[in-house]
Amino acid sequence: MYFQINSNDKGIEAHFHPFGEDHAFVLQGELTYDISFERQIKAKENSLVFGWTNYVHGYQNDSDQPLHILVFATPKNNPSIYEKNMLSMQNFINIRTWDCSTFDEIRSERITFSASHSKDLSDTVMIHLQSKKLIVLPNEIETKDNALYITFHQVEKKLNKK
């Protein structure tokens, strides 16, 4: 999902995803990322905020310039819970921010962010870090240096056997 948050906008209020993950890539501007009402981290252009399942988070723009972000919420049907009395309060140690030009790979159960592409380009999109062009692979096979590759993983549901 793409969001533009201007300096006078409210932003995206605190919420959590009880069944999925939520990661944010900053295309332009500076993101203020709220964590569990206790801490904020800043992420600038070409940075990634890597979150985990069931963590309270919100998005704000505290600068005078527009903020442009891509949010990767997985799985596809990943509900957001906004009622404060239902919000899960957890330790936020797993939420991190990375400059995408300085890391090789970050992986969770559902998604991988990488500076290099895998051999299998199915379920992969690429963001060219300079032009901010988003390319769905393998439809456009041209891969680039200075890019962020995002690969989505299928997670098989485990059945409870009695």
C-alpha atoms as a PDB file:
ATOM      1  CA  MET A   1       0.000   0.000   0.000  1.00  0.00           C
ATOM      2  CA  TYR A   2       1.186   3.504  -0.793  1.00  0.00           C
ATOM      3  CA  PHE A   3       0.597   6.410   1.604  1.00  0.00           C
ATOM      4  CA  GLN A   4       1.376  10.103   1.424  1.00  0.00           C
ATOM      5  CA  ILE A   5       1.248  11.799   4.807  1.00  0.00           C
ATOM      6  CA  ASN A   6       1.572  15.578   4.759  1.00  0.00           C
ATOM      7  CA  SER A   7       2.831  17.650   7.688  1.00  0.00           C
ATOM      8  CA  ASN A   8      -0.685  18.706   8.706  1.00  0.00           C
ATOM      9  CA  ASP A   9      -2.174  15.190   8.386  1.00  0.00           C
ATOM     10  CA  LYS A  10      -3.006  13.063  11.412  1.00  0.00           C
ATOM     11  CA  GLY A  11      -1.053  10.090  10.047  1.00  0.00           C
ATOM     12  CA  ILE A  12      -2.013   6.477  10.653  1.00  0.00           C
ATOM     13  CA  GLU A  13      -3.054   6.024  14.267  1.00  0.00           C
ATOM     14  CA  ALA A  14      -1.829   3.270  16.555  1.00  0.00           C
ATOM     15  CA  HIS A  15      -3.062  -0.189  15.647  1.00  0.00           C
ATOM     16  CA  PHE A  16      -1.885  -3.778  15.416  1.00  0.00           C
ATOM     17  CA  HIS A  17      -2.298  -6.769  13.123  1.00  0.00           C
ATOM     18  CA  PRO A  18      -3.135  -9.870  15.159  1.00  0.00           C
ATOM     19  CA  PHE A  19      -2.408 -12.321  12.331  1.00  0.00           C
ATOM     20  CA  GLY A  20       0.227 -10.703  10.155  1.00  0.00           C
ATOM     21  CA  GLU A  21       3.240  -8.459   9.728  1.00  0.00           C
ATOM     22  CA  ASP A  22       3.566  -4.794   8.796  1.00  0.00           C
ATOM     23  CA  HIS A  23       6.752  -3.323   7.312  1.00  0.00           C
ATOM     24  CA  ALA A  24       7.261   0.210   5.936  1.00  0.00           C
ATOM     25  CA  PHE A  25       9.691   1.476   3.295  1.00  0.00           C
ATOM     26  CA  VAL A  26      10.304   5.253   3.167  1.00  0.00           C
ATOM     27  CA  LEU A  27      10.315   6.510  -0.424  1.00  0.00           C
ATOM     28  CA  GLN A  28      10.716  10.171   0.521  1.00  0.00           C
ATOM     29  CA  GLY A  29      10.630  12.226   3.705  1.00  0.00           C
ATOM     30  CA  GLU A  30      11.022  11.173   7.321  1.00  0.00           C
ATOM     31  CA  LEU A  31       8.777   8.673   9.065  1.00  0.00           C
ATOM     32  CA  THR A  32       8.102   8.806  12.782  1.00  0.00           C
ATOM     33  CA  TYR A  33       7.114   5.272  13.727  1.00  0.00           C
ATOM     34  CA  ASP A  34       5.304   4.878  17.044  1.00  0.00           C
ATOM     35  CA  ILE A  35       5.831   1.640  18.951  1.00  0.00           C
ATOM     36  CA  SER A  36       3.507   0.510  21.757  1.00  0.00           C
ATOM     37  CA  PHE A  37       2.886   4.112  22.938  1.00  0.00           C
ATOM     38  CA  GLU A  38       6.326   3.940  24.585  1.00  0.00           C
ATOM     39  CA  ARG A  39       8.905   4.735  21.946  1.00  0.00           C
ATOM     40  CA  GLN A  40       9.330   6.331  18.551  1.00  0.00           C
ATOM     41  CA  ILE A  41      11.918   5.586  15.902  1.00  0.00           C
ATOM     42  CA  LYS A  42      12.764   7.703  12.868  1.00  0.00           C
ATOM     43  CA  ALA A  43      13.278   6.342   9.385  1.00  0.00           C
ATOM     44  CA  LYS A  44      14.482   8.440   6.444  1.00  0.00           C
ATOM     45  CA  GLU A  45      14.464   7.975   2.676  1.00  0.00           C
ATOM     46  CA  ASN A  46      15.494   4.459   1.550  1.00  0.00           C
ATOM     47  CA  SER A  47      15.040   3.093   5.072  1.00  0.00           C
ATOM     48  CA  LEU A  48      12.922   0.163   6.086  1.00  0.00           C
ATOM     49  CA  VAL A  49      11.021  -0.284   9.326  1.00  0.00           C
ATOM     50  CA  PHE A  50      10.819  -4.002   9.915  1.00  0.00           C
ATOM     51  CA  GLY A  51       7.941  -4.933  12.248  1.00  0.00           C
ATOM     52  CA  TRP A  52       6.483  -8.163  13.533  1.00  0.00           C
ATOM     53  CA  THR A  53       3.105  -9.715  14.192  1.00  0.00           C
ATOM     54  CA  ASN A  54       0.940  -8.257  16.945  1.00  0.00           C
ATOM     55  CA  TYR A  55       2.963  -5.108  17.712  1.00  0.00           C
ATOM     56  CA  VAL A  56       1.236  -1.783  18.272  1.00  0.00           C
ATOM     57  CA  HIS A  57       2.474   0.759  15.749  1.00  0.00           C
ATOM     58  CA  GLY A  58       1.476   3.973  14.014  1.00  0.00           C
ATOM     59  CA  TYR A  59       2.845   6.269  11.320  1.00  0.00           C
ATOM     60  CA  GLN A  60       3.393  10.032  11.592  1.00  0.00           C
ATOM     61  CA  ASN A  61       5.086  12.807   9.698  1.00  0.00           C
ATOM     62  CA  ASP A  62       6.688  15.277  12.113  1.00  0.00           C
ATOM     63  CA  SER A  63       8.520  17.214   9.380  1.00  0.00           C
ATOM     64  CA  ASP A  64       7.303  20.030   7.149  1.00  0.00           C
ATOM     65  CA  GLN A  65       7.864  17.955   3.962  1.00  0.00           C
ATOM     66  CA  PRO A  66       5.476  15.279   2.623  1.00  0.00           C
ATOM     67  CA  LEU A  67       6.178  11.691   3.652  1.00  0.00           C
ATOM     68  CA  HIS A  68       5.808   8.965   1.004  1.00  0.00           C
ATOM     69  CA  ILE A  69       5.842   5.355   2.212  1.00  0.00           C
ATOM     70  CA  LEU A  70       5.113   1.867   0.950  1.00  0.00           C
ATOM     71  CA  VAL A  71       3.608  -0.423   3.570  1.00  0.00           C
ATOM     72  CA  PHE A  72       3.870  -4.179   3.176  1.00  0.00           C
ATOM     73  CA  ALA A  73       1.181  -5.789   5.312  1.00  0.00           C
ATOM     74  CA  THR A  74       1.128  -9.559   5.052  1.00  0.00           C
ATOM     75  CA  PRO A  75      -0.833 -11.740   4.608  1.00  0.00           C
ATOM     76  CA  LYS A  76      -3.212 -10.272   2.023  1.00  0.00           C
ATOM     77  CA  ASN A  77      -6.159 -10.099   4.428  1.00  0.00           C
ATOM     78  CA  ASN A  78      -4.374  -8.584   7.408  1.00  0.00           C
ATOM     79  CA  PRO A  79      -6.943  -6.827   9.615  1.00  0.00           C
ATOM     80  CA  SER A  80      -5.974  -3.766  11.643  1.00  0.00           C
ATOM     81  CA  ILE A  81      -7.270  -3.341  15.198  1.00  0.00           C
ATOM     82  CA  TYR A  82      -7.626   0.295  16.338  1.00  0.00           C
ATOM     83  CA  GLU A  83      -9.579   0.049  19.603  1.00  0.00           C
ATOM     84  CA  LYS A  84      -7.082   1.066  22.273  1.00  0.00           C
ATOM     85  CA  ASN A  85      -8.554  -1.280  24.885  1.00  0.00           C
ATOM     86  CA  MET A  86      -7.879  -4.201  22.507  1.00  0.00           C
ATOM     87  CA  LEU A  87      -4.334  -3.208  21.581  1.00  0.00           C
ATOM     88  CA  SER A  88      -1.661  -5.722  22.433  1.00  0.00           C
ATOM     89  CA  MET A  89       1.069  -4.196  24.598  1.00  0.00           C
ATOM     90  CA  GLN A  90       4.326  -6.021  23.978  1.00  0.00           C
ATOM     91  CA  ASN A  91       8.028  -5.516  24.241  1.00  0.00           C
ATOM     92  CA  PHE A  92       9.109  -3.732  21.058  1.00  0.00           C
ATOM     93  CA  ILE A  93      12.640  -5.111  20.891  1.00  0.00           C
ATOM     94  CA  ASN A  94      12.055  -6.819  17.514  1.00  0.00           C
ATOM     95  CA  ILE A  95      11.069  -3.681  15.615  1.00  0.00           C
ATOM     96  CA  ARG A  96      14.052  -2.300  13.746  1.00  0.00           C
ATOM     97  CA  THR A  97      14.929   0.269  11.135  1.00  0.00           C
ATOM     98  CA  TRP A  98      17.577  -0.250   8.448  1.00  0.00           C
ATOM     99  CA  ASP A  99      19.123   1.877   5.748  1.00  0.00           C
ATOM    100  CA  CYS A 100      18.492  -0.204   2.628  1.00  0.00           C
ATOM    101  CA  SER A 101      21.833   0.736   1.076  1.00  0.00           C
ATOM    102  CA  THR A 102      23.790  -0.889   3.921  1.00  0.00           C
ATOM    103  CA  PHE A 103      22.237  -4.306   4.555  1.00  0.00           C
ATOM    104  CA  ASP A 104      22.224  -7.590   2.653  1.00  0.00           C
ATOM    105  CA  GLU A 105      19.047  -9.327   3.777  1.00  0.00           C
ATOM    106  CA  ILE A 106      16.297  -9.194   6.394  1.00  0.00           C
ATOM    107  CA  ARG A 107      13.851 -12.073   6.592  1.00  0.00           C
ATOM    108  CA  SER A 108      10.689 -12.902   8.470  1.00  0.00           C
ATOM    109  CA  GLU A 109       8.291 -15.796   8.129  1.00  0.00           C
ATOM    110  CA  ARG A 110       6.280 -14.042   5.380  1.00  0.00           C
ATOM    111  CA  ILE A 111       8.659 -11.659   3.601  1.00  0.00           C
ATOM    112  CA  THR A 112      12.322 -11.133   2.666  1.00  0.00           C
ATOM    113  CA  PHE A 113      13.923  -7.754   1.942  1.00  0.00           C
ATOM    114  CA  SER A 114      17.222  -8.156   0.125  1.00  0.00           C
ATOM    115  CA  ALA A 115      19.855  -6.163  -1.747  1.00  0.00           C
ATOM    116  CA  SER A 116      20.191  -9.001  -4.275  1.00  0.00           C
ATOM    117  CA  HIS A 117      17.587 -11.058  -6.058  1.00  0.00           C
ATOM    118  CA  SER A 118      17.114 -14.792  -5.812  1.00  0.00           C
ATOM    119  CA  LYS A 119      17.099 -17.103  -8.828  1.00  0.00           C
ATOM    120  CA  ASP A 120      13.344 -17.545  -8.560  1.00  0.00           C
ATOM    121  CA  LEU A 121      11.779 -14.145  -9.160  1.00  0.00           C
ATOM    122  CA  SER A 122       8.185 -15.260  -8.694  1.00  0.00           C
ATOM    123  CA  ASP A 123       6.443 -13.453  -5.835  1.00  0.00           C
ATOM    124  CA  THR A 124       9.108 -10.716  -5.979  1.00  0.00           C
ATOM    125  CA  VAL A 125       8.918  -6.963  -6.504  1.00  0.00           C
ATOM    126  CA  MET A 126      11.849  -4.590  -6.835  1.00  0.00           C
ATOM    127  CA  ILE A 127      12.220  -0.941  -5.832  1.00  0.00           C
ATOM    128  CA  HIS A 128      15.017   0.916  -7.586  1.00  0.00           C
ATOM    129  CA  LEU A 129      16.400   3.082  -4.772  1.00  0.00           C
ATOM    130  CA  GLN A 130      17.327   6.062  -6.963  1.00  0.00           C
ATOM    131  CA  SER A 131      14.326   6.338  -9.281  1.00  0.00           C
ATOM    132  CA  LYS A 132      11.823   4.864  -6.775  1.00  0.00           C
ATOM    133  CA  LYS A 133      10.408   2.793  -9.625  1.00  0.00           C
ATOM    134  CA  LEU A 134       8.498  -0.273  -8.438  1.00  0.00           C
ATOM    135  CA  ILE A 135       8.845  -3.288 -10.728  1.00  0.00           C
ATOM    136  CA  VAL A 136       6.885  -6.521 -10.416  1.00  0.00           C
ATOM    137  CA  LEU A 137       9.162  -9.414 -11.293  1.00  0.00           C
ATOM    138  CA  PRO A 138       9.525 -11.556 -13.372  1.00  0.00           C
ATOM    139  CA  ASN A 139       7.258  -9.578 -15.759  1.00  0.00           C
ATOM    140  CA  GLU A 140      10.068  -7.112 -16.274  1.00  0.00           C
ATOM    141  CA  ILE A 141      13.215  -9.213 -15.981  1.00  0.00           C
ATOM    142  CA  GLU A 142      15.646  -6.296 -15.849  1.00  0.00           C
ATOM    143  CA  THR A 143      17.249  -6.406 -12.420  1.00  0.00           C
ATOM    144  CA  LYS A 144      19.323  -3.522 -11.137  1.00  0.00           C
ATOM    145  CA  ASP A 145      22.061  -2.635  -8.704  1.00  0.00           C
ATOM    146  CA  ASN A 146      21.076  -0.223  -5.946  1.00  0.00           C
ATOM    147  CA  ALA A 147      17.706  -1.921  -5.567  1.00  0.00           C
ATOM    148  CA  LEU A 148      15.611  -3.456  -2.834  1.00  0.00           C
ATOM    149  CA  TYR A 149      14.080  -6.846  -3.660  1.00  0.00           C
ATOM    150  CA  ILE A 150      10.962  -7.845  -1.747  1.00  0.00           C
ATOM    151  CA  THR A 151       9.962 -11.523  -1.896  1.00  0.00           C
ATOM    152  CA  PHE A 152       6.727 -12.757  -0.377  1.00  0.00           C
ATOM    153  CA  HIS A 153       6.596 -16.262   1.124  1.00  0.00           C
ATOM    154  CA  GLN A 154       3.628 -18.580   1.271  1.00  0.00           C
ATOM    155  CA  VAL A 155       3.012 -19.684   4.829  1.00  0.00           C
ATOM    156  CA  GLU A 156       1.280 -23.000   5.144  1.00  0.00           C
ATOM    157  CA  LYS A 157      -1.358 -23.176   7.828  1.00  0.00           C
ATOM    158  CA  LYS A 158      -0.696 -25.864  10.386  1.00  0.00           C
ATOM    159  CA  LEU A 159      -3.732 -27.953  11.215  1.00  0.00           C
ATOM    160  CA  ASN A 160      -4.329 -28.957  14.802  1.00  0.00           C
ATOM    161  CA  LYS A 161      -4.663 -32.717  14.942  1.00  0.00           C
ATOM    162  CA  LYS A 162      -6.478 -34.249  17.862  1.00  0.00           C
END
